[in-house]
Amino acid sequence: MDQAPMQNDGLLPVVPGEVVRLLGLKAQGATQLNGSMGVVTEQCARKTEGDNSPCSASTEADVRWVVKVMGGGRSVAVRRANLTTARAGPAVLHHLLMAGAVLSVTIAALAHAAGPATMTCGAAPLCSLLWYVLTVSWCYWLHSPLLADGVFAPAISEMAVSHPARLVYRVGFGLCGLLLAVTMLEVSILTEKHHAVKTAVETPQGSPSEEVSLGVGWGLMAAGGVALQGICTLRVEGGEETVLHLGGAMLAMMGAMWHGAASNAWFSALPEDSPLLRKGHGAWGLWLRRDAMQQATANGGGLLLLLLFAIPLIMQAASRMGKSSSGSAMVNVMGLMQWAIVAGIALFFSTYTLDLIAVD
């Protein structure tokens, strides 16, 4: 994908296919569109009497950009002054992303080859966390000129609607998913020699027991969801890619929740003399996952977190169908909750670093 040329103000130029936000419209019937996002479809000229060539302009003042507004399917022709775009980003954006991608894939391969109980292996979950922080931060900076008035905490995926931010989002979250998958495979290797057994209530025949699953499959499902929602980004115009994005986000959330519950149950069922429970770095990782974060999902909190995560996704889908007009306060509240939940998930998986570097 070629990067669009950068203007003097650092914003993307208005060209067909670019995402814009409408502002300063004063014509009757158009003022309600102020603050709306849309996609530029074509460049036209203002018609004058006797002019049968609407797309040929004699001066810049005659030029109009036709924008298809998000949600309603309505198109409106406006001046350049009534449009704002996202930041173009630095000219070296592609090179930085590609260099980071090569380095991260190399780290993933080395971590898998080194195996648990090595510093190299522990780098995989940390790199995944780093890519999450860098991706969200960079996308926010690129997207900020497109923020509606009063909005400072948009939904995470909303920040990937422009071309440069979409590239960052795809590379960043794609690598997050890859590194999370490597993390789960290494955790599986780490724990395969240990068996967690849950003892049921004692009966006259004895105390039946069953082996507890670590939930590696759920963890891989979360990693796949992270990669899917990253590669298939949210689109202003909706479509199949938007559906895949929203589905990937839900897969990531549900996989992370189910893995977290299974992982906590597995570690809790280990014998007290298990080396996985010994004091040290590994114990800190277990404390963060099982004791600290488990409090957030107690007493039905897990279902509440899933609901709070899903609400912004529902709002995004509704806005693309023209059925939502949430105010800036609601957008900020929902955005902050989603940011907090996703950050908690990222921190949860990053704590496996402590287990992977501390236990034989």
Foldseek 3Di string as FASTA:
>chain_A
DDQADADPVQFGDQDAFFKKAFADDDDPPCHVRHGFIWGFHHKFFADDPPDPGGRDDPDLVRIWTWTQTFAPRDIDTHHPVRIGHFGSDDPCLVVVLVVLLVVLVVLLVVLLVVFFQALSVLVLLVVLLVLVVVLQVVLCNRQVRSHGPLADQFASLVSLAGDSNLVSLLSSLLSSLSSQLSLLVRVCVQCVVFWFKDWDDADPVGIDIDTADLLSVLSNQLSQLSNQLRNLGQYSLDDDSNVSNLVSLLSNLRSLLVNLVSNLNRVVRGPPPDQCCDDDLSVVLNCVRRPVVVVCPPPNNSVVLSVLLCVSSVQSVCSNNNNDDDDNVVSNVSSVSNVVSVSSSSVNSSSCSSSRNHGD
